[in-house]
Amino acid sequence: GGTRRGRYYPVPCPDFALAVRDAL
């Protein structure tokens, strides 16, 4: 938002990536 145009969250494996993606 505002001037902040992107971000990321590091995860150890694809299963966690999917879980974080689904939660957000």
mmCIF file of all heavy atoms, coordinates in Angstrom:
data_MODEL
# 
_entry.id   MODEL 
# 
loop_
_atom_site.group_PDB 
_atom_site.id 
_atom_site.type_symbol 
_atom_site.label_atom_id 
_atom_site.label_alt_id 
_atom_site.label_comp_id 
_atom_site.label_asym_id 
_atom_site.label_entity_id 
_atom_site.label_seq_id 
_atom_site.pdbx_PDB_ins_code 
_atom_site.Cartn_x 
_atom_site.Cartn_y 
_atom_site.Cartn_z 
_atom_site.occupancy 
_atom_site.B_iso_or_equiv 
_atom_site.pdbx_formal_charge 
_atom_site.auth_seq_id 
_atom_site.auth_comp_id 
_atom_site.auth_asym_id 
_atom_site.auth_atom_id 
_atom_site.pdbx_PDB_model_num 
ATOM 1   N N   . GLY A 1 1  ? 0.840  -1.186  0.000  1.00 0.00 ? 1  GLY A N   1 
ATOM 2   C CA  . GLY A 1 1  ? 0.000  0.000   0.000  1.00 0.00 ? 1  GLY A CA  1 
ATOM 3   C C   . GLY A 1 1  ? 0.874  1.234   0.000  1.00 0.00 ? 1  GLY A C   1 
ATOM 4   O O   . GLY A 1 1  ? 2.040  1.179   0.398  1.00 0.00 ? 1  GLY A O   1 
ATOM 5   N N   . GLY A 1 2  ? 0.325  2.354   -0.458 1.00 0.00 ? 2  GLY A N   1 
ATOM 6   C CA  . GLY A 1 2  ? 1.113  3.582   -0.534 1.00 0.00 ? 2  GLY A CA  1 
ATOM 7   C C   . GLY A 1 2  ? 2.310  3.383   -1.434 1.00 0.00 ? 2  GLY A C   1 
ATOM 8   O O   . GLY A 1 2  ? 2.184  2.908   -2.561 1.00 0.00 ? 2  GLY A O   1 
ATOM 9   N N   . THR A 1 3  ? 3.492  3.674   -0.919 1.00 0.00 ? 3  THR A N   1 
ATOM 10  C CA  . THR A 1 3  ? 4.712  3.505   -1.724 1.00 0.00 ? 3  THR A CA  1 
ATOM 11  C C   . THR A 1 3  ? 5.231  2.069   -1.692 1.00 0.00 ? 3  THR A C   1 
ATOM 12  O O   . THR A 1 3  ? 6.103  1.719   -2.472 1.00 0.00 ? 3  THR A O   1 
ATOM 13  C CB  . THR A 1 3  ? 5.835  4.437   -1.221 1.00 0.00 ? 3  THR A CB  1 
ATOM 14  O OG1 . THR A 1 3  ? 6.132  4.119   0.144  1.00 0.00 ? 3  THR A OG1 1 
ATOM 15  C CG2 . THR A 1 3  ? 5.431  5.896   -1.344 1.00 0.00 ? 3  THR A CG2 1 
ATOM 16  N N   . ARG A 1 4  ? 4.714  1.267   -0.803 1.00 0.00 ? 4  ARG A N   1 
ATOM 17  C CA  . ARG A 1 4  ? 5.142  -0.136  -0.684 1.00 0.00 ? 4  ARG A CA  1 
ATOM 18  C C   . ARG A 1 4  ? 4.435  -0.947  -1.763 1.00 0.00 ? 4  ARG A C   1 
ATOM 19  O O   . ARG A 1 4  ? 3.238  -1.131  -1.735 1.00 0.00 ? 4  ARG A O   1 
ATOM 20  C CB  . ARG A 1 4  ? 4.804  -0.667  0.699  1.00 0.00 ? 4  ARG A CB  1 
ATOM 21  C CG  . ARG A 1 4  ? 5.342  -2.032  0.955  1.00 0.00 ? 4  ARG A CG  1 
ATOM 22  C CD  . ARG A 1 4  ? 5.095  -2.407  2.424  1.00 0.00 ? 4  ARG A CD  1 
ATOM 23  N NE  . ARG A 1 4  ? 5.634  -3.689  2.727  1.00 0.00 ? 4  ARG A NE  1 
ATOM 24  C CZ  . ARG A 1 4  ? 6.903  -3.936  3.007  1.00 0.00 ? 4  ARG A CZ  1 
ATOM 25  N NH1 . ARG A 1 4  ? 7.781  -2.959  2.995  1.00 0.00 ? 4  ARG A NH1 1 
ATOM 26  N NH2 . ARG A 1 4  ? 7.316  -5.148  3.267  1.00 0.00 ? 4  ARG A NH2 1 
ATOM 27  N N   . ARG A 1 5  ? 5.207  -1.478  -2.716 1.00 0.00 ? 5  ARG A N   1 
ATOM 28  C CA  . ARG A 1 5  ? 4.614  -2.088  -3.910 1.00 0.00 ? 5  ARG A CA  1 
ATOM 29  C C   . ARG A 1 5  ? 4.636  -3.608  -3.911 1.00 0.00 ? 5  ARG A C   1 
ATOM 30  O O   . ARG A 1 5  ? 3.986  -4.243  -4.733 1.00 0.00 ? 5  ARG A O   1 
ATOM 31  C CB  . ARG A 1 5  ? 5.329  -1.549  -5.138 1.00 0.00 ? 5  ARG A CB  1 
ATOM 32  C CG  . ARG A 1 5  ? 5.127  -0.043  -5.233 1.00 0.00 ? 5  ARG A CG  1 
ATOM 33  C CD  . ARG A 1 5  ? 5.956  0.682   -6.266 1.00 0.00 ? 5  ARG A CD  1 
ATOM 34  N NE  . ARG A 1 5  ? 6.403  -0.080  -7.388 1.00 0.00 ? 5  ARG A NE  1 
ATOM 35  C CZ  . ARG A 1 5  ? 7.562  0.129   -8.000 1.00 0.00 ? 5  ARG A CZ  1 
ATOM 36  N NH1 . ARG A 1 5  ? 8.381  1.072   -7.581 1.00 0.00 ? 5  ARG A NH1 1 
ATOM 37  N NH2 . ARG A 1 5  ? 7.914  -0.586  -9.052 1.00 0.00 ? 5  ARG A NH2 1 
ATOM 38  N N   . GLY A 1 6  ? 5.375  -4.220  -3.018 1.00 0.00 ? 6  GLY A N   1 
ATOM 39  C CA  . GLY A 1 6  ? 5.439  -5.668  -2.977 1.00 0.00 ? 6  GLY A CA  1 
ATOM 40  C C   . GLY A 1 6  ? 6.100  -6.144  -1.705 1.00 0.00 ? 6  GLY A C   1 
ATOM 41  O O   . GLY A 1 6  ? 6.645  -5.361  -0.936 1.00 0.00 ? 6  GLY A O   1 
ATOM 42  N N   . ARG A 1 7  ? 6.038  -7.435  -1.502 1.00 0.00 ? 7  ARG A N   1 
ATOM 43  C CA  . ARG A 1 7  ? 6.663  -8.051  -0.334 1.00 0.00 ? 7  ARG A CA  1 
ATOM 44  C C   . ARG A 1 7  ? 6.720  -9.549  -0.569 1.00 0.00 ? 7  ARG A C   1 
ATOM 45  O O   . ARG A 1 7  ? 6.066  -10.083 -1.461 1.00 0.00 ? 7  ARG A O   1 
ATOM 46  C CB  . ARG A 1 7  ? 5.867  -7.750  0.932  1.00 0.00 ? 7  ARG A CB  1 
ATOM 47  C CG  . ARG A 1 7  ? 6.436  -8.336  2.209  1.00 0.00 ? 7  ARG A CG  1 
ATOM 48  C CD  . ARG A 1 7  ? 7.804  -7.785  2.542  1.00 0.00 ? 7  ARG A CD  1 
ATOM 49  N NE  . ARG A 1 7  ? 8.300  -8.403  3.769  1.00 0.00 ? 7  ARG A NE  1 
ATOM 50  C CZ  . ARG A 1 7  ? 9.557  -8.722  3.964  1.00 0.00 ? 7  ARG A CZ  1 
ATOM 51  N NH1 . ARG A 1 7  ? 10.455 -8.482  3.053  1.00 0.00 ? 7  ARG A NH1 1 
ATOM 52  N NH2 . ARG A 1 7  ? 9.948  -9.272  5.085  1.00 0.00 ? 7  ARG A NH2 1 
ATOM 53  N N   . TYR A 1 8  ? 7.472  -10.239 0.278  1.00 0.00 ? 8  TYR A N   1 
ATOM 54  C CA  . TYR A 1 8  ? 7.495  -11.688 0.234  1.00 0.00 ? 8  TYR A CA  1 
ATOM 55  C C   . TYR A 1 8  ? 7.697  -12.244 1.637  1.00 0.00 ? 8  TYR A C   1 
ATOM 56  O O   . TYR A 1 8  ? 8.110  -11.543 2.553  1.00 0.00 ? 8  TYR A O   1 
ATOM 57  C CB  . TYR A 1 8  ? 8.557  -12.207 -0.732 1.00 0.00 ? 8  TYR A CB  1 
ATOM 58  C CG  . TYR A 1 8  ? 9.966  -12.163 -0.210 1.00 0.00 ? 8  TYR A CG  1 
ATOM 59  C CD1 . TYR A 1 8  ? 10.494 -13.258 0.466  1.00 0.00 ? 8  TYR A CD1 1 
ATOM 60  C CD2 . TYR A 1 8  ? 10.770 -11.053 -0.397 1.00 0.00 ? 8  TYR A CD2 1 
ATOM 61  C CE1 . TYR A 1 8  ? 11.787 -13.239 0.942  1.00 0.00 ? 8  TYR A CE1 1 
ATOM 62  C CE2 . TYR A 1 8  ? 12.064 -11.025 0.064  1.00 0.00 ? 8  TYR A CE2 1 
ATOM 63  C CZ  . TYR A 1 8  ? 12.563 -12.125 0.741  1.00 0.00 ? 8  TYR A CZ  1 
ATOM 64  O OH  . TYR A 1 8  ? 13.840 -12.095 1.217  1.00 0.00 ? 8  TYR A OH  1 
ATOM 65  N N   . TYR A 1 9  ? 7.382  -13.516 1.764  1.00 0.00 ? 9  TYR A N   1 
ATOM 66  C CA  . TYR A 1 9  ? 7.503  -14.228 3.040  1.00 0.00 ? 9  TYR A CA  1 
ATOM 67  C C   . TYR A 1 9  ? 8.249  -15.537 2.765  1.00 0.00 ? 9  TYR A C   1 
ATOM 68  O O   . TYR A 1 9  ? 7.779  -16.351 1.974  1.00 0.00 ? 9  TYR A O   1 
ATOM 69  C CB  . TYR A 1 9  ? 6.100  -14.508 3.589  1.00 0.00 ? 9  TYR A CB  1 
ATOM 70  C CG  . TYR A 1 9  ? 6.082  -15.008 5.003  1.00 0.00 ? 9  TYR A CG  1 
ATOM 71  C CD1 . TYR A 1 9  ? 5.972  -14.122 6.060  1.00 0.00 ? 9  TYR A CD1 1 
ATOM 72  C CD2 . TYR A 1 9  ? 6.165  -16.358 5.282  1.00 0.00 ? 9  TYR A CD2 1 
ATOM 73  C CE1 . TYR A 1 9  ? 5.942  -14.579 7.370  1.00 0.00 ? 9  TYR A CE1 1 
ATOM 74  C CE2 . TYR A 1 9  ? 6.144  -16.828 6.585  1.00 0.00 ? 9  TYR A CE2 1 
ATOM 75  C CZ  . TYR A 1 9  ? 6.031  -15.920 7.623  1.00 0.00 ? 9  TYR A CZ  1 
ATOM 76  O OH  . TYR A 1 9  ? 6.010  -16.372 8.923  1.00 0.00 ? 9  TYR A OH  1 
ATOM 77  N N   . PRO A 1 10 ? 9.415  -15.754 3.391  1.00 0.00 ? 10 PRO A N   1 
ATOM 78  C CA  . PRO A 1 10 ? 10.181 -16.978 3.137  1.00 0.00 ? 10 PRO A CA  1 
ATOM 79  C C   . PRO A 1 10 ? 9.560  -18.184 3.841  1.00 0.00 ? 10 PRO A C   1 
ATOM 80  O O   . PRO A 1 10 ? 9.071  -18.080 4.965  1.00 0.00 ? 10 PRO A O   1 
ATOM 81  C CB  . PRO A 1 10 ? 11.559 -16.655 3.715  1.00 0.00 ? 10 PRO A CB  1 
ATOM 82  C CG  . PRO A 1 10 ? 11.304 -15.619 4.749  1.00 0.00 ? 10 PRO A CG  1 
ATOM 83  C CD  . PRO A 1 10 ? 10.104 -14.842 4.297  1.00 0.00 ? 10 PRO A CD  1 
ATOM 84  N N   . VAL A 1 11 ? 9.589  -19.320 3.161  1.00 0.00 ? 11 VAL A N   1 
ATOM 85  C CA  . VAL A 1 11 ? 9.057  -20.565 3.719  1.00 0.00 ? 11 VAL A CA  1 
ATOM 86  C C   . VAL A 1 11 ? 10.002 -21.713 3.374  1.00 0.00 ? 11 VAL A C   1 
ATOM 87  O O   . VAL A 1 11 ? 10.731 -21.648 2.385  1.00 0.00 ? 11 VAL A O   1 
ATOM 88  C CB  . VAL A 1 11 ? 7.636  -20.864 3.188  1.00 0.00 ? 11 VAL A CB  1 
ATOM 89  C CG1 . VAL A 1 11 ? 6.638  -19.835 3.691  1.00 0.00 ? 11 VAL A CG1 1 
ATOM 90  C CG2 . VAL A 1 11 ? 7.610  -20.906 1.676  1.00 0.00 ? 11 VAL A CG2 1 
ATOM 91  N N   . PRO A 1 12 ? 9.998  -22.777 4.186  1.00 0.00 ? 12 PRO A N   1 
ATOM 92  C CA  . PRO A 1 12 ? 10.950 -23.866 3.951  1.00 0.00 ? 12 PRO A CA  1 
ATOM 93  C C   . PRO A 1 12 ? 10.557 -24.868 2.868  1.00 0.00 ? 12 PRO A C   1 
ATOM 94  O O   . PRO A 1 12 ? 11.420 -25.568 2.353  1.00 0.00 ? 12 PRO A O   1 
ATOM 95  C CB  . PRO A 1 12 ? 11.027 -24.561 5.314  1.00 0.00 ? 12 PRO A CB  1 
ATOM 96  C CG  . PRO A 1 12 ? 9.716  -24.268 5.957  1.00 0.00 ? 12 PRO A CG  1 
ATOM 97  C CD  . PRO A 1 12 ? 9.307  -22.910 5.461  1.00 0.00 ? 12 PRO A CD  1 
ATOM 98  N N   . CYS A 1 13 ? 9.265  -24.954 2.538  1.00 0.00 ? 13 CYS A N   1 
ATOM 99  C CA  . CYS A 1 13 ? 8.857  -25.984 1.585  1.00 0.00 ? 13 CYS A CA  1 
ATOM 100 C C   . CYS A 1 13 ? 7.559  -25.568 0.879  1.00 0.00 ? 13 CYS A C   1 
ATOM 101 O O   . CYS A 1 13 ? 6.858  -24.658 1.337  1.00 0.00 ? 13 CYS A O   1 
ATOM 102 C CB  . CYS A 1 13 ? 8.671  -27.321 2.292  1.00 0.00 ? 13 CYS A CB  1 
ATOM 103 S SG  . CYS A 1 13 ? 7.282  -27.332 3.432  1.00 0.00 ? 13 CYS A SG  1 
ATOM 104 N N   . PRO A 1 14 ? 7.224  -26.230 -0.218 1.00 0.00 ? 14 PRO A N   1 
ATOM 105 C CA  . PRO A 1 14 ? 6.009  -25.873 -0.958 1.00 0.00 ? 14 PRO A CA  1 
ATOM 106 C C   . PRO A 1 14 ? 4.726  -26.001 -0.139 1.00 0.00 ? 14 PRO A C   1 
ATOM 107 O O   . PRO A 1 14 ? 3.801  -25.209 -0.304 1.00 0.00 ? 14 PRO A O   1 
ATOM 108 C CB  . PRO A 1 14 ? 5.997  -26.856 -2.136 1.00 0.00 ? 14 PRO A CB  1 
ATOM 109 C CG  . PRO A 1 14 ? 7.395  -27.295 -2.303 1.00 0.00 ? 14 PRO A CG  1 
ATOM 110 C CD  . PRO A 1 14 ? 8.006  -27.265 -0.924 1.00 0.00 ? 14 PRO A CD  1 
ATOM 111 N N   . ASP A 1 15 ? 4.662  -26.973 0.766  1.00 0.00 ? 15 ASP A N   1 
ATOM 112 C CA  . ASP A 1 15 ? 3.452  -27.128 1.584  1.00 0.00 ? 15 ASP A CA  1 
ATOM 113 C C   . ASP A 1 15 ? 3.208  -25.891 2.449  1.00 0.00 ? 15 ASP A C   1 
ATOM 114 O O   . ASP A 1 15 ? 2.083  -25.418 2.581  1.00 0.00 ? 15 ASP A O   1 
ATOM 115 C CB  . ASP A 1 15 ? 3.541  -28.369 2.460  1.00 0.00 ? 15 ASP A CB  1 
ATOM 116 C CG  . ASP A 1 15 ? 3.446  -29.656 1.652  1.00 0.00 ? 15 ASP A CG  1 
ATOM 117 O OD1 . ASP A 1 15 ? 2.920  -29.620 0.511  1.00 0.00 ? 15 ASP A OD1 1 
ATOM 118 O OD2 . ASP A 1 15 ? 3.903  -30.700 2.156  1.00 0.00 ? 15 ASP A OD2 1 
ATOM 119 N N   . PHE A 1 16 ? 4.265  -25.367 3.055  1.00 0.00 ? 16 PHE A N   1 
ATOM 120 C CA  . PHE A 1 16 ? 4.120  -24.150 3.850  1.00 0.00 ? 16 PHE A CA  1 
ATOM 121 C C   . PHE A 1 16 ? 3.780  -22.958 2.958  1.00 0.00 ? 16 PHE A C   1 
ATOM 122 O O   . PHE A 1 16 ? 3.003  -22.089 3.338  1.00 0.00 ? 16 PHE A O   1 
ATOM 123 C CB  . PHE A 1 16 ? 5.387  -23.849 4.661  1.00 0.00 ? 16 PHE A CB  1 
ATOM 124 C CG  . PHE A 1 16 ? 5.477  -24.616 5.946  1.00 0.00 ? 16 PHE A CG  1 
ATOM 125 C CD1 . PHE A 1 16 ? 6.533  -25.476 6.173  1.00 0.00 ? 16 PHE A CD1 1 
ATOM 126 C CD2 . PHE A 1 16 ? 4.514  -24.468 6.935  1.00 0.00 ? 16 PHE A CD2 1 
ATOM 127 C CE1 . PHE A 1 16 ? 6.622  -26.186 7.362  1.00 0.00 ? 16 PHE A CE1 1 
ATOM 128 C CE2 . PHE A 1 16 ? 4.597  -25.163 8.120  1.00 0.00 ? 16 PHE A CE2 1 
ATOM 129 C CZ  . PHE A 1 16 ? 5.656  -26.044 8.342  1.00 0.00 ? 16 PHE A CZ  1 
ATOM 130 N N   . ALA A 1 17 ? 4.379  -22.903 1.787  1.00 0.00 ? 17 ALA A N   1 
ATOM 131 C CA  . ALA A 1 17 ? 4.081  -21.807 0.854  1.00 0.00 ? 17 ALA A CA  1 
ATOM 132 C C   . ALA A 1 17 ? 2.595  -21.789 0.518  1.00 0.00 ? 17 ALA A C   1 
ATOM 133 O O   . ALA A 1 17 ? 1.953  -20.733 0.539  1.00 0.00 ? 17 ALA A O   1 
ATOM 134 C CB  . ALA A 1 17 ? 4.921  -21.935 -0.411 1.00 0.00 ? 17 ALA A CB  1 
ATOM 135 N N   . LEU A 1 18 ? 2.042  -22.935 0.223  1.00 0.00 ? 18 LEU A N   1 
ATOM 136 C CA  . LEU A 1 18 ? 0.611  -23.006 -0.087 1.00 0.00 ? 18 LEU A CA  1 
ATOM 137 C C   . LEU A 1 18 ? -0.237 -22.609 1.114  1.00 0.00 ? 18 LEU A C   1 
ATOM 138 O O   . LEU A 1 18 ? -1.246 -21.908 0.966  1.00 0.00 ? 18 LEU A O   1 
ATOM 139 C CB  . LEU A 1 18 ? 0.246  -24.416 -0.562 1.00 0.00 ? 18 LEU A CB  1 
ATOM 140 C CG  . LEU A 1 18 ? 0.819  -24.812 -1.920 1.00 0.00 ? 18 LEU A CG  1 
ATOM 141 C CD1 . LEU A 1 18 ? 0.587  -26.298 -2.178 1.00 0.00 ? 18 LEU A CD1 1 
ATOM 142 C CD2 . LEU A 1 18 ? 0.210  -23.965 -3.028 1.00 0.00 ? 18 LEU A CD2 1 
ATOM 143 N N   . ALA A 1 19 ? 0.157  -23.031 2.308  1.00 0.00 ? 19 ALA A N   1 
ATOM 144 C CA  . ALA A 1 19 ? -0.600 -22.694 3.519  1.00 0.00 ? 19 ALA A CA  1 
ATOM 145 C C   . ALA A 1 19 ? -0.564 -21.193 3.800  1.00 0.00 ? 19 ALA A C   1 
ATOM 146 O O   . ALA A 1 19 ? -1.584 -20.590 4.154  1.00 0.00 ? 19 ALA A O   1 
ATOM 147 C CB  . ALA A 1 19 ? -0.066 -23.486 4.705  1.00 0.00 ? 19 ALA A CB  1 
ATOM 148 N N   . VAL A 1 20 ? 0.604  -20.561 3.649  1.00 0.00 ? 20 VAL A N   1 
ATOM 149 C CA  . VAL A 1 20 ? 0.714  -19.111 3.861  1.00 0.00 ? 20 VAL A CA  1 
ATOM 150 C C   . VAL A 1 20 ? -0.093 -18.374 2.800  1.00 0.00 ? 20 VAL A C   1 
ATOM 151 O O   . VAL A 1 20 ? -0.847 -17.448 3.108  1.00 0.00 ? 20 VAL A O   1 
ATOM 152 C CB  . VAL A 1 20 ? 2.189  -18.657 3.860  1.00 0.00 ? 20 VAL A CB  1 
ATOM 153 C CG1 . VAL A 1 20 ? 2.300  -17.136 3.823  1.00 0.00 ? 20 VAL A CG1 1 
ATOM 154 C CG2 . VAL A 1 20 ? 2.914  -19.212 5.080  1.00 0.00 ? 20 VAL A CG2 1 
ATOM 155 N N   . ARG A 1 21 ? 0.060  -18.791 1.556  1.00 0.00 ? 21 ARG A N   1 
ATOM 156 C CA  . ARG A 1 21 ? -0.708 -18.166 0.471  1.00 0.00 ? 21 ARG A CA  1 
ATOM 157 C C   . ARG A 1 21 ? -2.206 -18.253 0.741  1.00 0.00 ? 21 ARG A C   1 
ATOM 158 O O   . ARG A 1 21 ? -2.926 -17.268 0.635  1.00 0.00 ? 21 ARG A O   1 
ATOM 159 C CB  . ARG A 1 21 ? -0.377 -18.834 -0.853 1.00 0.00 ? 21 ARG A CB  1 
ATOM 160 C CG  . ARG A 1 21 ? -1.068 -18.145 -2.044 1.00 0.00 ? 21 ARG A CG  1 
ATOM 161 C CD  . ARG A 1 21 ? -1.192 -19.038 -3.233 1.00 0.00 ? 21 ARG A CD  1 
ATOM 162 N NE  . ARG A 1 21 ? -2.036 -20.189 -2.884 1.00 0.00 ? 21 ARG A NE  1 
ATOM 163 C CZ  . ARG A 1 21 ? -2.190 -21.246 -3.645 1.00 0.00 ? 21 ARG A CZ  1 
ATOM 164 N NH1 . ARG A 1 21 ? -1.541 -21.340 -4.783 1.00 0.00 ? 21 ARG A NH1 1 
ATOM 165 N NH2 . ARG A 1 21 ? -2.961 -22.245 -3.273 1.00 0.00 ? 21 ARG A NH2 1 
ATOM 166 N N   . ASP A 1 22 ? -2.679 -19.414 1.128  1.00 0.00 ? 22 ASP A N   1 
ATOM 167 C CA  . ASP A 1 22 ? -4.104 -19.600 1.394  1.00 0.00 ? 22 ASP A CA  1 
ATOM 168 C C   . ASP A 1 22 ? -4.578 -18.764 2.576  1.00 0.00 ? 22 ASP A C   1 
ATOM 169 O O   . ASP A 1 22 ? -5.689 -18.238 2.564  1.00 0.00 ? 22 ASP A O   1 
ATOM 170 C CB  . ASP A 1 22 ? -4.420 -21.075 1.624  1.00 0.00 ? 22 ASP A CB  1 
ATOM 171 C CG  . ASP A 1 22 ? -4.256 -21.919 0.362  1.00 0.00 ? 22 ASP A CG  1 
ATOM 172 O OD1 . ASP A 1 22 ? -4.112 -21.336 -0.747 1.00 0.00 ? 22 ASP A OD1 1 
ATOM 173 O OD2 . ASP A 1 22 ? -4.266 -23.153 0.500  1.00 0.00 ? 22 ASP A OD2 1 
ATOM 174 N N   . ALA A 1 23 ? -3.740 -18.614 3.607  1.00 0.00 ? 23 ALA A N   1 
ATOM 175 C CA  . ALA A 1 23 ? -4.118 -17.826 4.788  1.00 0.00 ? 23 ALA A CA  1 
ATOM 176 C C   . ALA A 1 23 ? -4.255 -16.335 4.453  1.00 0.00 ? 23 ALA A C   1 
ATOM 177 O O   . ALA A 1 23 ? -5.103 -15.643 5.011  1.00 0.00 ? 23 ALA A O   1 
ATOM 178 C CB  . ALA A 1 23 ? -3.090 -18.022 5.904  1.00 0.00 ? 23 ALA A CB  1 
ATOM 179 N N   . LEU A 1 24 ? -3.434 -15.839 3.526  1.00 0.00 ? 24 LEU A N   1 
ATOM 180 C CA  . LEU A 1 24 ? -3.466 -14.411 3.170  1.00 0.00 ? 24 LEU A CA  1 
ATOM 181 C C   . LEU A 1 24 ? -4.416 -14.110 2.005  1.00 0.00 ? 24 LEU A C   1 
ATOM 182 O O   . LEU A 1 24 ? -4.758 -12.951 1.775  1.00 0.00 ? 24 LEU A O   1 
ATOM 183 C CB  . LEU A 1 24 ? -2.056 -13.928 2.810  1.00 0.00 ? 24 LEU A CB  1 
ATOM 184 C CG  . LEU A 1 24 ? -1.043 -13.943 3.950  1.00 0.00 ? 24 LEU A CG  1 
ATOM 185 C CD1 . LEU A 1 24 ? 0.350  -13.614 3.433  1.00 0.00 ? 24 LEU A CD1 1 
ATOM 186 C CD2 . LEU A 1 24 ? -1.454 -12.986 5.064  1.00 0.00 ? 24 LEU A CD2 1 
# 
